[in-house]
Each structure stands twice: as C-alpha cells, then as structure tokens.
C-alpha cells in the first residue's frame, strides 16, 4: 500500500490523498486546521486540529497502515 499526497492549488491549502493511485479524499486547510474529506460520502470529515501538514500526513499514513 502506498499513500501519496498531491497538491491541488499553489497556496497548498488543498491536498489530494491517494492510496495505490486511487483517490481516498482531500485535505483542506480550514481556519488554520487540516480537515480530511473522504471520497466516501458515508465517512464524516476528520478535523486534525493541527496546521502542520507534515504531522497530519504522517497521521494519515499511520491510519492507513493500520487498515492493512
């Protein structure tokens, strides 16, 4: 399993999260906090309450590793 992150905009306020080349969702910087919006409509957005993108990326990678 490979998690990748792709910047959507030049301001780096929106990041796509890809797992094995499939879109899993989008990270958006909202009010100084990263929020993950899943591509699955049945999953509620996850507010990481953190504005450090690298820390949030690491949390997401660990969460997907736990699923495998």
PDB file of N, CA and C in Angstrom:
ATOM      1  N   UNK A   1       0.839  -1.172   0.000  1.00  0.00           N
ATOM      2  CA  UNK A   1       0.000   0.000   0.000  1.00  0.00           C
ATOM      3  C   UNK A   1       0.887   1.238   0.000  1.00  0.00           C
ATOM      4  N   UNK A   2       0.543   2.166  -0.852  1.00  0.00           N
ATOM      5  CA  UNK A   2       1.332   3.380  -0.931  1.00  0.00           C
ATOM      6  C   UNK A   2       0.405   4.594  -0.858  1.00  0.00           C
ATOM      7  N   UNK A   3       0.694   5.464   0.101  1.00  0.00           N
ATOM      8  CA  UNK A   3      -0.057   6.707   0.253  1.00  0.00           C
ATOM      9  C   UNK A   3       0.755   7.828  -0.377  1.00  0.00           C
ATOM     10  N   UNK A   4       0.091   8.613  -1.235  1.00  0.00           N
ATOM     11  CA  UNK A   4       0.746   9.768  -1.854  1.00  0.00           C
ATOM     12  C   UNK A   4      -0.130  10.997  -1.625  1.00  0.00           C
ATOM     13  N   UNK A   5       0.516  12.143  -1.672  1.00  0.00           N
ATOM     14  CA  UNK A   5      -0.177  13.410  -1.489  1.00  0.00           C
ATOM     15  C   UNK A   5       0.114  14.289  -2.700  1.00  0.00           C
ATOM     16  N   UNK A   6      -0.921  14.889  -3.265  1.00  0.00           N
ATOM     17  CA  UNK A   6      -0.768  15.734  -4.450  1.00  0.00           C
ATOM     18  C   UNK A   6      -1.395  17.093  -4.182  1.00  0.00           C
ATOM     19  N   UNK A   7      -0.588  18.131  -4.344  1.00  0.00           N
ATOM     20  CA  UNK A   7      -1.091  19.489  -4.129  1.00  0.00           C
ATOM     21  C   UNK A   7      -2.086  19.849  -5.230  1.00  0.00           C
ATOM     22  N   UNK A   8      -3.190  20.471  -4.834  1.00  0.00           N
ATOM     23  CA  UNK A   8      -4.233  20.854  -5.768  1.00  0.00           C
ATOM     24  C   UNK A   8      -4.061  22.306  -6.198  1.00  0.00           C
ATOM     25  N   UNK A   9      -3.640  23.155  -5.270  1.00  0.00           N
ATOM     26  CA  UNK A   9      -3.530  24.581  -5.576  1.00  0.00           C
ATOM     27  C   UNK A   9      -2.159  25.123  -5.174  1.00  0.00           C
ATOM     28  N   UNK A  10      -1.799  26.240  -5.746  1.00  0.00           N
ATOM     29  CA  UNK A  10      -0.486  26.847  -5.496  1.00  0.00           C
ATOM     30  C   UNK A  10      -0.312  27.288  -4.047  1.00  0.00           C
ATOM     31  N   UNK A  11      -1.401  27.633  -3.368  1.00  0.00           N
ATOM     32  CA  UNK A  11      -1.326  28.077  -1.972  1.00  0.00           C
ATOM     33  C   UNK A  11      -1.129  26.916  -1.004  1.00  0.00           C
ATOM     34  N   UNK A  12      -1.209  25.692  -1.518  1.00  0.00           N
ATOM     35  CA  UNK A  12      -1.066  24.481  -0.697  1.00  0.00           C
ATOM     36  C   UNK A  12      -2.095  24.438   0.435  1.00  0.00           C
ATOM     37  N   UNK A  13      -3.319  24.810   0.114  1.00  0.00           N
ATOM     38  CA  UNK A  13      -4.397  24.740   1.097  1.00  0.00           C
ATOM     39  C   UNK A  13      -5.350  23.578   0.802  1.00  0.00           C
ATOM     40  N   UNK A  14      -5.052  22.842  -0.261  1.00  0.00           N
ATOM     41  CA  UNK A  14      -5.860  21.679  -0.621  1.00  0.00           C
ATOM     42  C   UNK A  14      -4.922  20.609  -1.170  1.00  0.00           C
ATOM     43  N   UNK A  15      -4.977  19.417  -0.570  1.00  0.00           N
ATOM     44  CA  UNK A  15      -4.067  18.322  -0.907  1.00  0.00           C
ATOM     45  C   UNK A  15      -4.902  17.062  -1.143  1.00  0.00           C
ATOM     46  N   UNK A  16      -4.689  16.408  -2.273  1.00  0.00           N
ATOM     47  CA  UNK A  16      -5.371  15.140  -2.524  1.00  0.00           C
ATOM     48  C   UNK A  16      -4.593  14.007  -1.863  1.00  0.00           C
ATOM     49  N   UNK A  17      -5.336  13.058  -1.309  1.00  0.00           N
ATOM     50  CA  UNK A  17      -4.739  11.885  -0.675  1.00  0.00           C
ATOM     51  C   UNK A  17      -5.054  10.684  -1.569  1.00  0.00           C
ATOM     52  N   UNK A  18      -3.990  10.035  -2.043  1.00  0.00           N
ATOM     53  CA  UNK A  18      -4.129   8.899  -2.948  1.00  0.00           C
ATOM     54  C   UNK A  18      -3.570   7.646  -2.294  1.00  0.00           C
ATOM     55  N   UNK A  19      -4.280   6.556  -2.451  1.00  0.00           N
ATOM     56  CA  UNK A  19      -3.819   5.257  -1.936  1.00  0.00           C
ATOM     57  C   UNK A  19      -3.771   4.295  -3.110  1.00  0.00           C
ATOM     58  N   UNK A  20      -2.580   3.810  -3.408  1.00  0.00           N
ATOM     59  CA  UNK A  20      -2.384   2.939  -4.572  1.00  0.00           C
ATOM     60  C   UNK A  20      -2.970   3.572  -5.834  1.00  0.00           C
ATOM     61  N   UNK A  21      -2.719   4.865  -5.995  1.00  0.00           N
ATOM     62  CA  UNK A  21      -3.148   5.659  -7.157  1.00  0.00           C
ATOM     63  C   UNK A  21      -4.653   5.943  -7.197  1.00  0.00           C
ATOM     64  N   UNK A  22      -5.402   5.515  -6.192  1.00  0.00           N
ATOM     65  CA  UNK A  22      -6.842   5.790  -6.123  1.00  0.00           C
ATOM     66  C   UNK A  22      -7.097   6.934  -5.152  1.00  0.00           C
ATOM     67  N   UNK A  23      -8.004   7.832  -5.527  1.00  0.00           N
ATOM     68  CA  UNK A  23      -8.339   8.958  -4.660  1.00  0.00           C
ATOM     69  C   UNK A  23      -9.058   8.467  -3.415  1.00  0.00           C
ATOM     70  N   UNK A  24      -8.509   8.811  -2.252  1.00  0.00           N
ATOM     71  CA  UNK A  24      -9.132   8.469  -0.975  1.00  0.00           C
ATOM     72  C   UNK A  24      -9.894   9.660  -0.412  1.00  0.00           C
ATOM     73  N   UNK A  25      -9.404  10.865  -0.696  1.00  0.00           N
ATOM     74  CA  UNK A  25     -10.053  12.057  -0.174  1.00  0.00           C
ATOM     75  C   UNK A  25      -9.175  13.279  -0.369  1.00  0.00           C
ATOM     76  N   UNK A  26      -9.576  14.371   0.264  1.00  0.00           N
ATOM     77  CA  UNK A  26      -8.879  15.636   0.120  1.00  0.00           C
ATOM     78  C   UNK A  26      -8.673  16.273   1.484  1.00  0.00           C
ATOM     79  N   UNK A  27      -7.463  16.755   1.707  1.00  0.00           N
ATOM     80  CA  UNK A  27      -7.147  17.545   2.896  1.00  0.00           C
ATOM     81  C   UNK A  27      -7.342  19.013   2.543  1.00  0.00           C
ATOM     82  N   UNK A  28      -8.033  19.744   3.404  1.00  0.00           N
ATOM     83  CA  UNK A  28      -8.218  21.172   3.181  1.00  0.00           C
ATOM     84  C   UNK A  28      -7.836  21.925   4.444  1.00  0.00           C
ATOM     85  N   UNK A  29      -7.123  23.032   4.249  1.00  0.00           N
ATOM     86  CA  UNK A  29      -6.758  23.882   5.375  1.00  0.00           C
ATOM     87  C   UNK A  29      -7.912  24.843   5.629  1.00  0.00           C
ATOM     88  N   UNK A  30      -8.587  24.653   6.763  1.00  0.00           N
ATOM     89  CA  UNK A  30      -9.764  25.450   7.114  1.00  0.00           C
ATOM     90  C   UNK A  30      -9.532  26.052   8.493  1.00  0.00           C
ATOM     91  N   UNK A  31      -9.574  27.362   8.572  1.00  0.00           N
ATOM     92  CA  UNK A  31      -9.391  28.058   9.854  1.00  0.00           C
ATOM     93  C   UNK A  31      -8.149  27.570  10.603  1.00  0.00           C
ATOM     94  N   UNK A  32      -7.029  27.460   9.882  1.00  0.00           N
ATOM     95  CA  UNK A  32      -5.743  27.095  10.468  1.00  0.00           C
ATOM     96  C   UNK A  32      -5.707  25.663  11.000  1.00  0.00           C
ATOM     97  N   UNK A  33      -6.508  24.775  10.410  1.00  0.00           N
ATOM     98  CA  UNK A  33      -6.518  23.371  10.806  1.00  0.00           C
ATOM     99  C   UNK A  33      -6.768  22.508   9.570  1.00  0.00           C
ATOM    100  N   UNK A  34      -6.027  21.402   9.455  1.00  0.00           N
ATOM    101  CA  UNK A  34      -6.235  20.497   8.330  1.00  0.00           C
ATOM    102  C   UNK A  34      -7.430  19.590   8.597  1.00  0.00           C
ATOM    103  N   UNK A  35      -8.320  19.503   7.595  1.00  0.00           N
ATOM    104  CA  UNK A  35      -9.523  18.675   7.684  1.00  0.00           C
ATOM    105  C   UNK A  35      -9.499  17.712   6.503  1.00  0.00           C
ATOM    106  N   UNK A  36      -9.716  16.419   6.774  1.00  0.00           N
ATOM    107  CA  UNK A  36      -9.748  15.396   5.730  1.00  0.00           C
ATOM    108  C   UNK A  36     -11.190  15.113   5.339  1.00  0.00           C
ATOM    109  N   UNK A  37     -11.473  15.258   4.053  1.00  0.00           N
ATOM    110  CA  UNK A  37     -12.784  14.944   3.498  1.00  0.00           C
ATOM    111  C   UNK A  37     -12.631  13.681   2.662  1.00  0.00           C
ATOM    112  N   UNK A  38     -13.214  12.588   3.133  1.00  0.00           N
ATOM    113  CA  UNK A  38     -13.105  11.310   2.445  1.00  0.00           C
ATOM    114  C   UNK A  38     -13.879  11.340   1.138  1.00  0.00           C
ATOM    115  N   UNK A  39     -13.414  10.549   0.183  1.00  0.00           N
ATOM    116  CA  UNK A  39     -14.131  10.386  -1.076  1.00  0.00           C
ATOM    117  C   UNK A  39     -15.400   9.547  -0.861  1.00  0.00           C
ATOM    118  N   UNK A  40     -15.452   8.840   0.261  1.00  0.00           N
ATOM    119  CA  UNK A  40     -16.619   8.043   0.645  1.00  0.00           C
ATOM    120  C   UNK A  40     -17.589   8.944   1.405  1.00  0.00           C
ATOM    121  N   UNK A  41     -18.745   9.194   0.836  1.00  0.00           N
ATOM    122  CA  UNK A  41     -19.719  10.107   1.432  1.00  0.00           C
ATOM    123  C   UNK A  41     -20.226   9.655   2.798  1.00  0.00           C
ATOM    124  N   UNK A  42     -20.033   8.385   3.140  1.00  0.00           N
ATOM    125  CA  UNK A  42     -20.521   7.876   4.418  1.00  0.00           C
ATOM    126  C   UNK A  42     -19.557   8.142   5.573  1.00  0.00           C
ATOM    127  N   UNK A  43     -18.379   8.657   5.258  1.00  0.00           N
ATOM    128  CA  UNK A  43     -17.395   8.957   6.294  1.00  0.00           C
ATOM    129  C   UNK A  43     -17.388  10.457   6.547  1.00  0.00           C
ATOM    130  N   UNK A  44     -17.570  10.835   7.809  1.00  0.00           N
ATOM    131  CA  UNK A  44     -17.579  12.248   8.179  1.00  0.00           C
ATOM    132  C   UNK A  44     -16.183  12.851   8.043  1.00  0.00           C
ATOM    133  N   UNK A  45     -16.108  14.157   7.778  1.00  0.00           N
ATOM    134  CA  UNK A  45     -14.802  14.824   7.737  1.00  0.00           C
ATOM    135  C   UNK A  45     -14.064  14.665   9.069  1.00  0.00           C
ATOM    136  N   UNK A  46     -12.734  14.586   8.989  1.00  0.00           N
ATOM    137  CA  UNK A  46     -11.894  14.442  10.176  1.00  0.00           C
ATOM    138  C   UNK A  46     -11.072  15.717  10.332  1.00  0.00           C
ATOM    139  N   UNK A  47     -11.293  16.424  11.430  1.00  0.00           N
ATOM    140  CA  UNK A  47     -10.524  17.634  11.722  1.00  0.00           C
ATOM    141  C   UNK A  47      -9.327  17.234  12.573  1.00  0.00           C
ATOM    142  N   UNK A  48      -8.129  17.416  12.033  1.00  0.00           N
ATOM    143  CA  UNK A  48      -6.922  17.033  12.755  1.00  0.00           C
ATOM    144  C   UNK A  48      -6.502  18.062  13.794  1.00  0.00           C
ATOM    145  N   UNK A  49      -7.158  19.228  13.807  1.00  0.00           N
ATOM    146  CA  UNK A  49      -6.867  20.286  14.783  1.00  0.00           C
ATOM    147  C   UNK A  49      -5.355  20.555  14.847  1.00  0.00           C
ATOM    148  N   UNK A  50      -4.769  20.616  13.662  1.00  0.00           N
ATOM    149  CA  UNK A  50      -3.331  20.783  13.534  1.00  0.00           C
ATOM    150  C   UNK A  50      -3.068  21.491  12.209  1.00  0.00           C
ATOM    151  N   UNK A  51      -2.201  22.486  12.204  1.00  0.00           N
ATOM    152  CA  UNK A  51      -1.908  23.169  10.949  1.00  0.00           C
ATOM    153  C   UNK A  51      -0.551  22.748  10.367  1.00  0.00           C
ATOM    154  N   UNK A  52       0.097  21.763  10.982  1.00  0.00           N
ATOM    155  CA  UNK A  52       1.373  21.256  10.492  1.00  0.00           C
ATOM    156  C   UNK A  52       1.091  20.124   9.503  1.00  0.00           C
ATOM    157  N   UNK A  53       1.255  20.428   8.218  1.00  0.00           N
ATOM    158  CA  UNK A  53       0.911  19.467   7.172  1.00  0.00           C
ATOM    159  C   UNK A  53       1.710  18.172   7.285  1.00  0.00           C
ATOM    160  N   UNK A  54       2.987  18.264   7.585  1.00  0.00           N
ATOM    161  CA  UNK A  54       3.815  17.058   7.675  1.00  0.00           C
ATOM    162  C   UNK A  54       3.335  16.127   8.786  1.00  0.00           C
ATOM    163  N   UNK A  55       2.949  16.676   9.916  1.00  0.00           N
ATOM    164  CA  UNK A  55       2.426  15.856  11.020  1.00  0.00           C
ATOM    165  C   UNK A  55       1.108  15.191  10.626  1.00  0.00           C
ATOM    166  N   UNK A  56       0.253  15.920   9.943  1.00  0.00           N
ATOM    167  CA  UNK A  56      -1.041  15.376   9.515  1.00  0.00           C
ATOM    168  C   UNK A  56      -0.826  14.269   8.484  1.00  0.00           C
ATOM    169  N   UNK A  57       0.093  14.470   7.548  1.00  0.00           N
ATOM    170  CA  UNK A  57       0.396  13.430   6.563  1.00  0.00           C
ATOM    171  C   UNK A  57       0.854  12.156   7.254  1.00  0.00           C
ATOM    172  N   UNK A  58       1.703  12.296   8.263  1.00  0.00           N
ATOM    173  CA  UNK A  58       2.202  11.127   8.990  1.00  0.00           C
ATOM    174  C   UNK A  58       1.054  10.405   9.708  1.00  0.00           C
ATOM    175  N   UNK A  59       0.147  11.153  10.296  1.00  0.00           N
ATOM    176  CA  UNK A  59      -1.022  10.544  10.959  1.00  0.00           C
ATOM    177  C   UNK A  59      -1.864   9.765   9.960  1.00  0.00           C
ATOM    178  N   UNK A  60      -2.046  10.325   8.776  1.00  0.00           N
ATOM    179  CA  UNK A  60      -2.851   9.655   7.749  1.00  0.00           C
ATOM    180  C   UNK A  60      -2.159   8.375   7.292  1.00  0.00           C
ATOM    181  N   UNK A  61      -0.855   8.440   7.071  1.00  0.00           N
ATOM    182  CA  UNK A  61      -0.113   7.240   6.665  1.00  0.00           C
ATOM    183  C   UNK A  61      -0.248   6.136   7.710  1.00  0.00           C
ATOM    184  N   UNK A  62      -0.096   6.495   8.979  1.00  0.00           N
ATOM    185  CA  UNK A  62      -0.214   5.506  10.057  1.00  0.00           C
ATOM    186  C   UNK A  62      -1.622   4.912  10.119  1.00  0.00           C
ATOM    187  N   UNK A  63      -2.627   5.740   9.908  1.00  0.00           N
ATOM    188  CA  UNK A  63      -4.019   5.244   9.944  1.00  0.00           C
ATOM    189  C   UNK A  63      -4.266   4.238   8.819  1.00  0.00           C
ATOM    190  N   UNK A  64      -3.756   4.512   7.629  1.00  0.00           N
ATOM    191  CA  UNK A  64      -3.948   3.575   6.509  1.00  0.00           C
ATOM    192  C   UNK A  64      -3.126   2.314   6.702  1.00  0.00           C
ATOM    193  N   UNK A  65      -1.945   2.414   7.284  1.00  0.00           N
ATOM    194  CA  UNK A  65      -1.148   1.234   7.574  1.00  0.00           C
ATOM    195  C   UNK A  65      -1.899   0.306   8.538  1.00  0.00           C
ATOM    196  N   UNK A  66      -2.592   0.906   9.503  1.00  0.00           N
ATOM    197  CA  UNK A  66      -3.346   0.109  10.484  1.00  0.00           C
ATOM    198  C   UNK A  66      -4.509  -0.636   9.823  1.00  0.00           C
ATOM    199  N   UNK A  67      -5.010  -0.114   8.703  1.00  0.00           N
ATOM    200  CA  UNK A  67      -6.116  -0.774   7.996  1.00  0.00           C
ATOM    201  C   UNK A  67      -5.665  -2.011   7.230  1.00  0.00           C
ATOM    202  N   UNK A  68      -4.422  -2.018   6.821  1.00  0.00           N
ATOM    203  CA  UNK A  68      -3.907  -3.141   6.018  1.00  0.00           C
ATOM    204  C   UNK A  68      -3.611  -4.354   6.851  1.00  0.00           C
TER     205      UNK A  68
END
